[in-house]
Amino acid sequence: MGKVGIIGVGQTSFVRQYPGSIRELVFDGFKEAMADAGISSGEIDATVICSAPEYDKQRSPAGVLSEYLGLNPQPTFYVETLCSSSSTGLKLAYSLVASGLHDVVLVSGFQIMSQLTSEESQERMARGADIQWESPFGTMMPAYYALHAQSHMASYGTSPEDLALIRVKASTYGQMNEKAVYRKAVTPEMFSDPENKMAQPVSSPLRTGDCCANADGSSCVIVASEEKARALGRKPVWIKGVGAASAPVNMAGRKDLSHLSVGREAARQAYAMAGISASDVDVAEVHDCFTIAEMMAYEDLGFADPGKGRDLIRSGQTYKDGKIPVNVDGGLLSKGHPIGATGGSQIRTIVLQLRGEAGAMQVDNPNIGLVHNIGGVGLYGNVTILGLD
């Protein structure tokens, strides 16, 4: 199989309430990616549309959006793996191009979360669990990740203060990211003040500051064969490794709650395909829907040994100038989490980093970047390795 490159990326600002339709939202990210790639609609051979459909009022959005974007009669595909939908879409696009079926494929992820009330949104998140055996007990996303946090703390002595440091880092870079929802400074002192919103309990030990917010937004990634990428892309970024895994949906079917097995397995596959190890990664985007999720990702990806992720954040090694910069665009904790758009946003960040176009968030001369995107409570996991050569 030939090399596959990313030739264009785009993303809307992530907002708490988008006033338009999914057509308009997706077009905004599409327009930016197309301008970035410098191509026209006629050069797109196929599209992959990604979202979590239970949040949308529109059934079969792939057909509606392909028509609106002027991409008929090219084939279109719809992909859903909860929060990891658009990184799964990238893997499908990679496969379509690497197999020789298509030369240029566009991946668009989106979500308008604000079409639902908070109660409705939580109810649909709960239905991401097993509706027969688990979700009837009232488990929701914060409660699930609270179980992971409790396990990690019991196994390794991780503290709530360690998790707070992850949110502090997120806010450091969220303030620099013009496309982020939350652009305010967060300090450790906020977590020790019982009157501060950051310290308000959600599901012990997680507090408001440990949780990302829902958002509306879209992202877009355009991939191409090596021949097309070199001809069309002003600076293609190559997909060097892709890994994907799944896990039992029920917590009772998992052996250890102090990590996410899908992250570990997807990373193992991606590293092997790319021919690298964790120490070769220069910058990473990890799925930090909750602070404990980023802590587990440090360890699942091999940036730290099990139980030692806290040492990375305590010493500042995951900041921009540290040993392994992680989520220096603010992550989900600052950007917000429009489910279908999240993976594409992470990919965009790493592409900009590798091109040297990340502005104030730029890491010094990265050559290898990693994207870690999780769907549900560790139900699906994707790890993508990107590089300049």
Protein backbone atom coordinates (compact mmCIF):
# COMPACT_ATOMS: atom_id res chain seq x y z
CA MET A 1 0.00 0.00 0.00
CA GLY A 2 1.18 3.53 -0.77
CA LYS A 3 1.50 6.35 1.71
CA VAL A 4 -1.58 8.32 2.70
CA GLY A 5 -1.32 12.00 3.61
CA ILE A 6 -3.50 14.64 5.20
CA ILE A 7 -3.68 17.62 2.88
CA GLY A 8 -6.32 19.79 4.55
CA VAL A 9 -7.83 20.38 8.00
CA GLY A 10 -10.58 22.62 9.28
CA GLN A 11 -12.65 23.24 12.38
CA THR A 12 -15.35 25.61 13.54
CA SER A 13 -15.13 27.37 16.85
CA PHE A 14 -16.66 25.10 19.45
CA VAL A 15 -19.58 26.89 21.12
CA ARG A 16 -22.21 26.16 23.75
CA GLN A 17 -25.11 26.91 21.39
CA TYR A 18 -24.85 27.03 17.60
CA PRO A 19 -27.73 29.03 16.07
CA GLY A 20 -27.86 27.31 12.66
CA SER A 21 -28.47 23.89 11.14
CA ILE A 22 -26.11 20.93 10.84
CA ARG A 23 -25.71 21.85 7.16
CA GLU A 24 -24.34 25.29 8.01
CA LEU A 25 -22.22 23.97 10.86
CA VAL A 26 -20.57 21.28 8.74
CA PHE A 27 -20.04 23.70 5.86
CA ASP A 28 -18.00 26.04 8.07
CA GLY A 29 -15.46 23.31 8.92
CA PHE A 30 -15.53 22.01 5.34
CA LYS A 31 -14.82 25.46 3.90
CA GLU A 32 -11.73 25.89 6.08
CA ALA A 33 -10.37 22.43 5.19
CA MET A 34 -10.95 22.92 1.48
CA ALA A 35 -9.16 26.27 1.55
CA ASP A 36 -6.35 24.68 3.51
CA ALA A 37 -5.97 21.92 0.91
CA GLY A 38 -6.43 24.31 -2.00
CA ILE A 39 -8.78 21.99 -3.89
CA SER A 40 -12.31 22.08 -5.30
CA SER A 41 -15.30 19.84 -4.55
CA GLY A 42 -14.84 18.00 -7.83
CA GLU A 43 -11.51 16.61 -6.60
CA ILE A 44 -13.15 14.82 -3.63
CA ASP A 45 -13.74 11.16 -4.52
CA ALA A 46 -15.74 10.15 -1.42
CA THR A 47 -16.93 11.50 1.92
CA VAL A 48 -17.14 10.03 5.41
CA ILE A 49 -19.62 11.74 7.76
CA CYS A 50 -19.24 11.13 11.49
CA SER A 51 -21.50 11.85 14.47
CA ALA A 52 -23.38 10.18 17.29
CA PRO A 53 -26.88 9.96 15.79
CA GLU A 54 -28.87 9.86 19.02
CA TYR A 55 -28.09 13.56 19.50
CA ASP A 56 -29.31 14.58 16.03
CA LYS A 57 -32.81 15.25 14.82
CA GLN A 58 -31.74 14.42 11.25
CA ARG A 59 -31.71 10.72 10.34
CA SER A 60 -29.06 9.56 7.86
CA PRO A 61 -27.13 12.85 7.91
CA ALA A 62 -24.48 11.62 5.44
CA GLY A 63 -26.85 11.94 2.50
CA VAL A 64 -28.14 15.35 3.57
CA LEU A 65 -24.67 16.78 4.16
CA SER A 66 -23.08 15.37 1.02
CA GLU A 67 -25.81 17.02 -1.02
CA TYR A 68 -25.36 20.35 0.76
CA LEU A 69 -21.58 20.28 0.29
CA GLY A 70 -21.97 19.63 -3.44
CA LEU A 71 -20.41 16.16 -3.22
CA ASN A 72 -22.96 14.13 -5.20
CA PRO A 73 -22.74 11.70 -6.95
CA GLN A 74 -19.58 10.62 -5.12
CA PRO A 75 -20.17 7.87 -2.54
CA THR A 76 -20.70 8.84 1.08
CA PHE A 77 -20.36 6.75 4.24
CA TYR A 78 -21.67 7.27 7.77
CA VAL A 79 -19.53 6.30 10.78
CA GLU A 80 -20.45 6.23 14.46
CA THR A 81 -18.33 5.08 17.41
CA LEU A 82 -19.63 7.57 19.97
CA CYS A 83 -16.96 10.12 20.95
CA SER A 84 -14.34 8.55 18.68
CA SER A 85 -16.48 8.76 15.53
CA SER A 86 -14.31 11.10 13.47
CA SER A 87 -11.04 9.32 14.24
CA THR A 88 -12.79 6.11 13.18
CA GLY A 89 -13.81 8.05 10.07
CA LEU A 90 -10.15 8.88 9.45
CA LYS A 91 -9.25 5.19 9.67
CA LEU A 92 -11.96 4.38 7.12
CA ALA A 93 -10.70 7.16 4.83
CA TYR A 94 -7.13 5.90 5.22
CA SER A 95 -8.28 2.41 4.25
CA LEU A 96 -10.21 3.63 1.21
CA VAL A 97 -7.18 5.52 -0.08
CA ALA A 98 -4.50 2.98 0.87
CA SER A 99 -6.49 0.23 -0.86
CA GLY A 100 -6.56 2.23 -4.08
CA LEU A 101 -10.35 2.57 -4.19
CA HIS A 102 -10.20 6.37 -3.94
CA ASP A 103 -7.54 9.05 -4.25
CA VAL A 104 -9.02 11.86 -2.12
CA VAL A 105 -11.46 11.32 0.76
CA LEU A 106 -13.01 13.95 3.03
CA VAL A 107 -13.89 13.18 6.67
CA SER A 108 -16.37 15.49 8.40
CA GLY A 109 -17.40 15.15 12.04
CA PHE A 110 -20.08 17.22 13.73
CA GLN A 111 -22.49 17.51 16.62
CA ILE A 112 -25.06 20.02 17.79
CA MET A 113 -25.40 19.00 21.43
CA SER A 114 -27.53 22.04 22.32
CA GLN A 115 -30.54 20.65 20.45
CA LEU A 116 -31.14 18.60 23.61
CA THR A 117 -31.57 19.64 27.24
CA SER A 118 -28.90 18.58 29.74
CA GLU A 119 -31.26 15.91 31.04
CA GLU A 120 -31.90 14.54 27.56
CA SER A 121 -28.19 14.59 26.75
CA GLN A 122 -27.32 12.66 29.91
CA GLU A 123 -30.04 10.12 29.18
CA ARG A 124 -28.61 9.47 25.72
CA MET A 125 -25.08 9.22 27.11
CA ALA A 126 -26.34 6.59 29.54
CA ARG A 127 -27.75 4.64 26.59
CA GLY A 128 -24.17 4.34 25.33
CA ALA A 129 -23.90 1.69 28.03
CA ASP A 130 -25.75 -1.64 27.95
CA ILE A 131 -29.43 -0.70 28.18
CA GLN A 132 -30.38 -4.14 29.50
CA TRP A 133 -27.79 -4.76 32.18
CA GLU A 134 -26.13 -1.50 33.20
CA SER A 135 -27.72 1.85 32.29
CA PRO A 136 -31.00 1.09 34.14
CA PHE A 137 -29.00 1.56 37.35
CA GLY A 138 -28.61 5.24 36.52
CA THR A 139 -24.95 5.27 35.57
CA MET A 140 -23.87 8.29 33.52
CA MET A 141 -20.56 9.46 32.08
CA PRO A 142 -19.27 11.29 35.20
CA ALA A 143 -20.15 8.31 37.38
CA TYR A 144 -18.36 5.88 35.07
CA TYR A 145 -15.18 7.94 34.99
CA ALA A 146 -15.47 8.46 38.75
CA LEU A 147 -15.13 4.67 39.06
CA HIS A 148 -11.92 4.87 37.04
CA ALA A 149 -10.67 7.70 39.25
CA GLN A 150 -11.49 5.76 42.43
CA SER A 151 -9.65 2.71 41.09
CA HIS A 152 -6.60 4.72 40.03
CA MET A 153 -6.45 6.44 43.41
CA ALA A 154 -6.82 3.16 45.29
CA SER A 155 -4.17 1.42 43.16
CA TYR A 156 -1.57 4.17 42.91
CA GLY A 157 -2.28 6.89 45.44
CA THR A 158 -3.26 9.46 42.83
CA SER A 159 -4.92 12.46 44.49
CA PRO A 160 -7.67 14.91 43.54
CA GLU A 161 -4.96 17.57 43.55
CA ASP A 162 -3.12 15.67 40.79
CA LEU A 163 -6.27 15.70 38.67
CA ALA A 164 -6.75 19.42 39.31
CA LEU A 165 -3.30 20.07 37.84
CA ILE A 166 -4.49 18.57 34.54
CA ARG A 167 -7.35 21.08 34.40
CA VAL A 168 -4.96 23.91 35.25
CA LYS A 169 -2.77 22.89 32.29
CA ALA A 170 -5.82 22.67 30.01
CA SER A 171 -6.84 26.21 30.91
CA THR A 172 -3.31 27.49 30.27
CA TYR A 173 -3.66 26.55 26.60
CA GLY A 174 -7.42 26.99 26.32
CA GLN A 175 -6.85 30.70 26.87
CA MET A 176 -4.68 30.71 23.74
CA ASN A 177 -7.10 28.74 21.56
CA GLU A 178 -9.56 31.00 19.79
CA LYS A 179 -11.73 28.00 18.88
CA ALA A 180 -12.18 26.81 22.50
CA VAL A 181 -15.37 27.17 24.53
CA TYR A 182 -13.69 27.73 27.89
CA ARG A 183 -10.98 30.39 27.72
CA LYS A 184 -10.57 31.36 31.36
CA ALA A 185 -7.68 30.70 33.73
CA VAL A 186 -8.08 27.93 36.30
CA THR A 187 -5.86 27.76 39.38
CA PRO A 188 -5.29 24.98 41.92
CA GLU A 189 -6.77 27.23 44.60
CA MET A 190 -10.16 27.10 42.88
CA PHE A 191 -10.39 23.39 43.66
CA SER A 192 -9.80 23.94 47.37
CA ASP A 193 -12.47 26.64 47.67
CA PRO A 194 -15.82 24.94 48.39
CA GLU A 195 -17.63 28.04 47.10
CA ASN A 196 -15.91 27.94 43.72
CA LYS A 197 -17.71 26.24 40.83
CA MET A 198 -14.58 24.26 39.93
CA ALA A 199 -14.74 22.55 43.33
CA GLN A 200 -18.41 21.58 43.23
CA PRO A 201 -18.91 17.79 43.50
CA VAL A 202 -20.25 15.92 40.49
CA SER A 203 -19.49 12.25 41.16
CA SER A 204 -16.88 11.59 43.81
CA PRO A 205 -13.98 12.18 43.45
CA LEU A 206 -14.71 14.18 40.29
CA ARG A 207 -15.71 17.82 40.57
CA THR A 208 -17.03 20.30 38.01
CA GLY A 209 -13.48 21.28 37.11
CA ASP A 210 -12.63 17.66 36.33
CA CYS A 211 -15.31 17.43 33.63
CA CYS A 212 -15.41 18.73 30.05
CA ALA A 213 -18.47 20.55 28.74
CA ASN A 214 -20.77 19.63 25.89
CA ALA A 215 -20.39 21.83 22.81
CA ASP A 216 -21.55 22.33 19.25
CA GLY A 217 -19.01 22.20 16.44
CA SER A 218 -17.65 20.50 13.34
CA SER A 219 -14.25 19.38 12.10
CA CYS A 220 -12.97 18.32 8.69
CA VAL A 221 -9.93 16.34 7.50
CA ILE A 222 -9.00 15.64 3.88
CA VAL A 223 -6.74 12.69 3.06
CA ALA A 224 -5.12 11.76 -0.25
CA SER A 225 -2.90 9.17 -1.87
CA GLU A 226 0.82 9.91 -1.97
CA GLU A 227 0.70 10.95 -5.60
CA LYS A 228 -2.24 13.30 -5.05
CA ALA A 229 -0.90 14.57 -1.73
CA ARG A 230 2.42 15.57 -3.24
CA ALA A 231 0.69 17.19 -6.21
CA LEU A 232 -2.06 18.98 -4.24
CA GLY A 233 -0.87 19.42 -0.69
CA ARG A 234 1.40 22.32 0.10
CA LYS A 235 2.74 20.42 3.09
CA PRO A 236 1.20 16.96 3.53
CA VAL A 237 1.33 15.25 6.90
CA TRP A 238 1.56 11.46 6.61
CA ILE A 239 -0.52 8.87 8.42
CA LYS A 240 2.17 6.55 9.74
CA GLY A 241 0.17 4.29 12.03
CA VAL A 242 -3.44 3.55 12.94
CA GLY A 243 -4.65 1.39 15.80
CA ALA A 244 -8.16 0.58 17.03
CA ALA A 245 -9.65 -1.59 19.75
CA SER A 246 -12.84 -2.29 21.67
CA ALA A 247 -13.67 -3.45 25.19
CA PRO A 248 -16.65 -5.04 26.98
CA VAL A 249 -19.40 -2.47 27.31
CA ASN A 250 -20.23 -3.52 30.88
CA MET A 251 -17.82 -2.54 33.64
CA ALA A 252 -18.26 -5.98 35.18
CA GLY A 253 -16.58 -7.44 32.08
CA ARG A 254 -13.37 -5.45 32.57
CA LYS A 255 -10.41 -6.73 34.54
CA ASP A 256 -8.94 -3.41 35.71
CA LEU A 257 -10.57 0.01 36.03
CA SER A 258 -7.31 1.88 36.65
CA HIS A 259 -6.67 2.10 32.90
CA LEU A 260 -8.48 1.82 29.54
CA SER A 261 -7.52 -1.35 27.71
CA VAL A 262 -8.64 0.12 24.36
CA GLY A 263 -6.06 2.88 24.68
CA ARG A 264 -3.29 0.42 25.39
CA GLU A 265 -4.19 -1.95 22.58
CA ALA A 266 -4.79 0.78 19.98
CA ALA A 267 -1.45 2.34 20.92
CA ARG A 268 0.34 -1.00 20.60
CA GLN A 269 -1.03 -1.43 17.07
CA ALA A 270 -0.28 2.14 15.99
CA TYR A 271 3.28 2.11 17.35
CA ALA A 272 3.98 -1.21 15.60
CA MET A 273 2.60 0.01 12.28
CA ALA A 274 4.57 3.26 12.48
CA GLY A 275 7.71 1.49 13.66
CA ILE A 276 8.13 3.78 16.67
CA SER A 277 7.78 3.73 20.44
CA ALA A 278 6.23 6.14 22.90
CA SER A 279 9.57 7.88 23.41
CA ASP A 280 9.55 8.96 19.74
CA VAL A 281 6.35 11.00 20.09
CA ASP A 282 6.97 14.76 20.14
CA VAL A 283 3.43 16.02 20.78
CA ALA A 284 0.14 14.32 21.62
CA GLU A 285 -3.58 14.94 21.74
CA VAL A 286 -5.35 12.65 24.20
CA HIS A 287 -9.02 12.20 25.05
CA ASP A 288 -9.47 14.22 28.24
CA CYS A 289 -13.24 14.17 28.65
CA PHE A 290 -12.41 14.02 32.36
CA THR A 291 -9.12 14.78 34.07
CA ILE A 292 -8.72 11.12 35.06
CA ALA A 293 -8.99 10.18 31.36
CA GLU A 294 -5.87 12.22 30.57
CA MET A 295 -4.05 10.72 33.56
CA MET A 296 -4.83 7.19 32.35
CA ALA A 297 -3.82 8.13 28.80
CA TYR A 298 -0.31 9.13 29.97
CA GLU A 299 0.12 5.57 31.21
CA ASP A 300 -1.83 3.69 28.54
CA LEU A 301 0.23 5.33 25.79
CA GLY A 302 3.55 4.55 27.49
CA PHE A 303 4.47 8.13 28.33
CA ALA A 304 4.65 7.01 31.97
CA ASP A 305 4.64 3.70 33.82
CA PRO A 306 1.37 2.65 35.52
CA GLY A 307 0.79 4.89 38.51
CA LYS A 308 3.47 7.38 37.41
CA GLY A 309 1.32 9.64 35.26
CA ARG A 310 0.98 11.99 38.22
CA ASP A 311 4.73 12.59 38.12
CA LEU A 312 4.42 13.95 34.57
CA ILE A 313 1.81 16.54 35.45
CA ARG A 314 3.38 17.44 38.80
CA SER A 315 6.71 18.19 37.09
CA GLY A 316 5.15 20.03 34.16
CA GLN A 317 6.44 17.50 31.61
CA THR A 318 3.16 17.53 29.66
CA TYR A 319 3.30 21.30 29.12
CA LYS A 320 4.43 22.78 25.81
CA ASP A 321 8.10 22.89 26.79
CA GLY A 322 8.06 19.56 28.64
CA LYS A 323 9.29 16.11 27.71
CA ILE A 324 5.96 15.10 26.13
CA PRO A 325 3.56 18.00 25.42
CA VAL A 326 -0.04 16.83 25.73
CA ASN A 327 -3.21 18.73 24.79
CA VAL A 328 -1.50 22.07 24.29
CA ASP A 329 -4.65 23.30 22.53
CA GLY A 330 -6.58 23.04 25.82
CA GLY A 331 -7.97 19.56 25.17
CA LEU A 332 -11.63 18.70 25.57
CA LEU A 333 -11.54 20.26 29.03
CA SER A 334 -11.12 23.70 27.46
CA LYS A 335 -12.26 23.25 23.85
CA GLY A 336 -15.49 21.47 24.74
CA HIS A 337 -16.68 18.12 23.41
CA PRO A 338 -18.96 18.11 20.34
CA ILE A 339 -18.92 14.34 20.16
CA GLY A 340 -18.69 13.65 16.42
CA ALA A 341 -16.26 16.53 15.83
CA THR A 342 -13.79 15.82 18.62
CA GLY A 343 -11.45 13.34 16.91
CA GLY A 344 -11.14 15.53 13.83
CA SER A 345 -10.31 18.52 16.02
CA GLN A 346 -7.54 16.53 17.70
CA ILE A 347 -6.17 15.51 14.28
CA ARG A 348 -6.26 19.13 13.12
CA THR A 349 -4.24 20.22 16.14
CA ILE A 350 -1.50 17.67 15.48
CA VAL A 351 -1.39 18.52 11.76
CA LEU A 352 -0.92 22.20 12.60
CA GLN A 353 1.76 21.31 15.15
CA LEU A 354 3.72 19.24 12.65
CA ARG A 355 3.47 22.00 10.05
CA GLY A 356 4.68 24.57 12.58
CA GLU A 357 1.41 26.50 12.30
CA ALA A 358 0.06 26.27 15.85
CA GLY A 359 0.89 29.85 16.83
CA ALA A 360 1.20 30.49 20.55
CA MET A 361 0.56 26.79 21.21
CA GLN A 362 3.42 25.63 18.96
CA VAL A 363 5.78 22.94 20.26
CA ASP A 364 9.43 23.24 19.23
CA ASN A 365 10.11 21.36 15.96
CA PRO A 366 7.88 18.27 16.34
CA ASN A 367 8.33 15.45 13.83
CA ILE A 368 5.96 12.78 15.21
CA GLY A 369 2.49 13.44 16.64
CA LEU A 370 -0.09 11.15 18.26
CA VAL A 371 -3.88 11.34 18.51
CA HIS A 372 -5.67 9.27 21.17
CA ASN A 373 -9.48 9.31 20.86
CA ILE A 374 -11.82 7.26 23.06
CA GLY A 375 -15.48 6.42 22.38
CA GLY A 376 -17.85 5.98 25.30
CA VAL A 377 -16.39 4.86 28.61
CA GLY A 378 -13.45 3.06 27.04
CA LEU A 379 -15.72 1.10 24.72
CA TYR A 380 -13.85 2.15 21.56
CA GLY A 381 -10.30 3.41 21.22
CA ASN A 382 -8.35 4.85 18.29
CA VAL A 383 -4.70 5.89 18.21
CA THR A 384 -3.28 7.59 15.12
CA ILE A 385 0.38 8.39 14.50
CA LEU A 386 1.17 11.30 12.16
CA GLY A 387 4.54 12.35 10.83
CA LEU A 388 6.32 14.67 8.45
CA ASP A 389 8.08 11.95 6.44
